[in-house]
Amino acid sequence: IFEQPLSDFSTLERVKRDFEPFFKLWSIVNELDDRSSKWMQSPFGEIDVKDMVNKVTTWYGATGGLIKVFQELNAEQPLEVASNLRAKLAGFREILPVVESLGAKDVMQAEHWQEVADRLEDFNGKAFDPLEEHRDFSLADLINHGVKQHMDDVQEVALIASKQHTLNASLQGMVSELRAVQ
């Protein structure tokens, strides 16, 4: 158009491609830092379980790839950051089954939470009491009370709660059908 030769942007594209793993690493670090504090400190019932599972799973896989890239580049500091990030994500992955089990909306009833509380440990001399009036416990509270050590027990309670919830929903459907017939 202006009778000027076209510029060669191949170097810019290469720089952009070379920078991508660093950008991806720092993006994950930033987002995990923001979300992990919310996941740990917010009331447990407010955690978006599907989002948490999706993010942790995606980021864990991505950090594996980033570690390989930084090893190939012999980039020690980013490799260390990526390795530490992966370790932090591994900690979240470890707790995901419990979060998924207990985080199902409207499934866990008071008696189920009491059963979970009975199986957990005291923390700083205080028993876990999810039924305490106006108490919004957090994921950090569950972890502090030893949920990791009692994952099988807690998941068993959650499974029972899920089955009871499904059974109650089926019964409600049958009652509705019977009323419609009468």
Protein backbone atom coordinates (compact mmCIF):
# COMPACT_ATOMS: atom_id res chain seq x y z
CA ILE A 1 0.00 0.00 0.00
CA PHE A 2 2.71 2.49 0.97
CA GLU A 3 5.23 0.92 -1.36
CA GLN A 4 7.31 -0.18 1.60
CA PRO A 5 8.89 -3.63 1.92
CA LEU A 6 7.14 -6.02 4.28
CA SER A 7 8.77 -6.30 7.68
CA ASP A 8 10.15 -9.61 8.87
CA PHE A 9 8.37 -10.56 12.09
CA SER A 10 9.82 -14.07 12.39
CA THR A 11 12.00 -13.01 15.33
CA LEU A 12 9.00 -11.60 17.13
CA GLU A 13 7.09 -14.86 16.64
CA ARG A 14 10.07 -16.85 17.96
CA VAL A 15 10.35 -14.61 21.05
CA LYS A 16 6.62 -14.95 21.62
CA ARG A 17 6.86 -18.75 21.36
CA ASP A 18 9.92 -18.85 23.67
CA PHE A 19 8.16 -16.67 26.26
CA GLU A 20 4.96 -18.76 26.31
CA PRO A 21 6.00 -21.35 28.95
CA PHE A 22 7.14 -18.57 31.31
CA PHE A 23 3.86 -16.73 30.83
CA LYS A 24 1.90 -19.94 31.39
CA LEU A 25 3.82 -20.69 34.59
CA TRP A 26 3.28 -17.26 36.08
CA SER A 27 -0.38 -17.25 35.05
CA ILE A 28 -0.96 -20.54 36.87
CA VAL A 29 0.98 -19.34 39.93
CA ASN A 30 -1.05 -16.14 40.05
CA GLU A 31 -4.42 -17.81 39.59
CA LEU A 32 -3.67 -20.64 42.03
CA ASP A 33 -2.53 -18.14 44.63
CA ASP A 34 -5.82 -16.27 44.29
CA ARG A 35 -8.04 -19.33 44.20
CA SER A 36 -6.27 -21.43 46.83
CA SER A 37 -6.85 -18.84 49.54
CA LYS A 38 -10.53 -18.71 48.58
CA TRP A 39 -10.80 -22.51 48.52
CA MET A 40 -9.13 -22.83 51.90
CA GLN A 41 -10.79 -19.95 53.77
CA SER A 42 -14.26 -19.55 52.27
CA PRO A 43 -17.19 -21.39 53.80
CA PHE A 44 -17.01 -24.96 52.51
CA GLY A 45 -20.49 -24.81 51.00
CA GLU A 46 -19.45 -21.89 48.78
CA ILE A 47 -16.66 -23.78 47.01
CA ASP A 48 -17.40 -24.41 43.34
CA VAL A 49 -16.32 -28.05 43.46
CA LYS A 50 -16.45 -28.66 39.71
CA ASP A 51 -14.34 -25.59 39.04
CA MET A 52 -11.84 -26.61 41.72
CA VAL A 53 -11.49 -30.13 40.33
CA ASN A 54 -11.17 -28.83 36.78
CA LYS A 55 -8.58 -26.17 37.63
CA VAL A 56 -6.42 -28.40 39.85
CA THR A 57 -6.46 -31.24 37.31
CA THR A 58 -5.66 -28.95 34.38
CA TRP A 59 -2.91 -27.07 36.21
CA TYR A 60 -1.34 -30.28 37.52
CA GLY A 61 -1.06 -31.63 33.98
CA ALA A 62 0.26 -28.32 32.67
CA THR A 63 2.97 -28.13 35.33
CA GLY A 64 4.24 -31.55 34.29
CA GLY A 65 4.75 -30.23 30.77
CA LEU A 66 6.31 -27.00 32.04
CA ILE A 67 8.79 -28.91 34.18
CA LYS A 68 9.95 -30.81 31.08
CA VAL A 69 10.27 -27.58 29.09
CA PHE A 70 12.28 -25.86 31.81
CA GLN A 71 14.53 -28.91 32.19
CA GLU A 72 15.24 -28.82 28.45
CA LEU A 73 15.94 -25.08 28.63
CA ASN A 74 18.13 -25.62 31.69
CA ALA A 75 16.16 -22.81 33.36
CA GLU A 76 16.79 -23.49 37.05
CA GLN A 77 14.62 -20.85 38.72
CA PRO A 78 11.49 -21.41 36.61
CA LEU A 79 12.04 -25.17 37.05
CA GLU A 80 12.10 -24.71 40.82
CA VAL A 81 8.93 -22.59 40.71
CA ALA A 82 7.18 -25.15 38.49
CA SER A 83 8.24 -28.02 40.77
CA ASN A 84 7.00 -26.21 43.88
CA LEU A 85 3.77 -25.36 42.12
CA ARG A 86 3.27 -29.00 41.14
CA ALA A 87 3.87 -30.07 44.75
CA LYS A 88 1.25 -27.59 45.96
CA LEU A 89 -1.20 -28.86 43.34
CA ALA A 90 -0.45 -32.44 44.40
CA GLY A 91 -1.62 -31.47 47.89
CA PHE A 92 -4.89 -30.21 46.45
CA ARG A 93 -5.25 -33.33 44.28
CA GLU A 94 -4.92 -35.44 47.40
CA ILE A 95 -7.92 -33.74 49.02
CA LEU A 96 -10.11 -33.54 45.88
CA PRO A 97 -11.95 -36.84 46.50
CA VAL A 98 -13.14 -35.58 49.89
CA VAL A 99 -14.10 -32.17 48.48
CA GLU A 100 -16.09 -33.88 45.72
CA SER A 101 -17.77 -36.25 48.19
CA LEU A 102 -18.71 -33.64 50.77
CA GLY A 103 -19.32 -30.81 48.33
CA ALA A 104 -22.39 -32.27 46.63
CA LYS A 105 -25.11 -29.67 47.15
CA ASP A 106 -28.14 -30.67 49.27
CA VAL A 107 -26.80 -34.20 49.83
CA MET A 108 -25.11 -33.91 53.22
CA GLN A 109 -27.69 -33.51 55.98
CA ALA A 110 -27.13 -32.66 59.65
CA GLU A 111 -26.80 -36.30 60.68
CA HIS A 112 -24.17 -36.90 58.00
CA TRP A 113 -22.14 -33.89 59.09
CA GLN A 114 -22.34 -35.11 62.66
CA GLU A 115 -21.06 -38.51 61.54
CA VAL A 116 -18.14 -36.78 59.78
CA ALA A 117 -17.44 -34.74 62.90
CA ASP A 118 -17.40 -37.89 65.03
CA ARG A 119 -14.70 -39.37 62.80
CA LEU A 120 -12.42 -36.33 62.73
CA GLU A 121 -9.83 -35.28 65.30
CA ASP A 122 -9.68 -32.37 67.70
CA PHE A 123 -7.62 -29.40 66.56
CA ASN A 124 -6.09 -27.06 69.14
CA GLY A 125 -8.23 -28.75 71.78
CA LYS A 126 -11.45 -28.07 69.91
CA ALA A 127 -13.65 -30.69 68.28
CA PHE A 128 -14.89 -30.20 64.73
CA ASP A 129 -18.51 -29.07 64.97
CA PRO A 130 -20.10 -28.36 61.59
CA LEU A 131 -23.50 -27.95 63.20
CA GLU A 132 -22.48 -25.19 65.57
CA GLU A 133 -24.94 -22.32 65.09
CA HIS A 134 -23.79 -19.76 62.50
CA ARG A 135 -20.56 -21.68 61.89
CA ASP A 136 -19.34 -21.72 58.32
CA PHE A 137 -16.42 -24.13 58.39
CA SER A 138 -13.79 -24.04 55.67
CA LEU A 139 -11.69 -26.57 53.82
CA ALA A 140 -8.81 -25.48 56.06
CA ASP A 141 -10.95 -26.44 59.10
CA LEU A 142 -11.53 -29.90 57.64
CA ILE A 143 -7.83 -30.36 56.92
CA ASN A 144 -6.85 -29.12 60.39
CA HIS A 145 -9.20 -31.68 61.91
CA GLY A 146 -7.50 -34.52 60.03
CA VAL A 147 -9.78 -35.15 57.08
CA LYS A 148 -6.79 -36.40 55.05
CA GLN A 149 -6.15 -39.13 57.61
CA HIS A 150 -9.82 -40.15 57.62
CA MET A 151 -10.60 -39.86 53.91
CA ASP A 152 -12.02 -43.38 53.61
CA ASP A 153 -14.34 -42.86 56.59
CA VAL A 154 -15.49 -39.46 55.37
CA GLN A 155 -16.07 -40.71 51.83
CA GLU A 156 -18.09 -43.62 53.26
CA VAL A 157 -20.35 -41.16 55.09
CA ALA A 158 -20.69 -39.06 51.92
CA LEU A 159 -21.57 -42.17 49.89
CA ILE A 160 -24.28 -43.11 52.38
CA ALA A 161 -25.59 -39.53 52.23
CA SER A 162 -25.63 -39.65 48.43
CA LYS A 163 -27.53 -42.94 48.39
CA GLN A 164 -30.04 -41.64 50.93
CA HIS A 165 -30.49 -38.47 48.87
CA THR A 166 -31.11 -40.50 45.70
CA LEU A 167 -33.54 -42.77 47.54
CA ASN A 168 -35.43 -39.81 49.01
CA ALA A 169 -35.67 -38.17 45.59
CA SER A 170 -37.05 -41.41 44.13
CA LEU A 171 -39.57 -41.70 46.94
CA GLN A 172 -40.68 -38.11 46.44
CA GLY A 173 -41.18 -38.85 42.73
CA MET A 174 -43.30 -41.90 43.55
CA VAL A 175 -45.40 -39.93 46.03
CA SER A 176 -45.98 -37.25 43.38
CA GLU A 177 -47.02 -39.89 40.83
CA LEU A 178 -49.41 -41.52 43.33
CA ARG A 179 -51.01 -38.17 44.13
CA ALA A 180 -51.46 -37.48 40.42
CA VAL A 181 -53.19 -40.85 39.95
CA GLN A 182 -55.58 -40.34 42.87
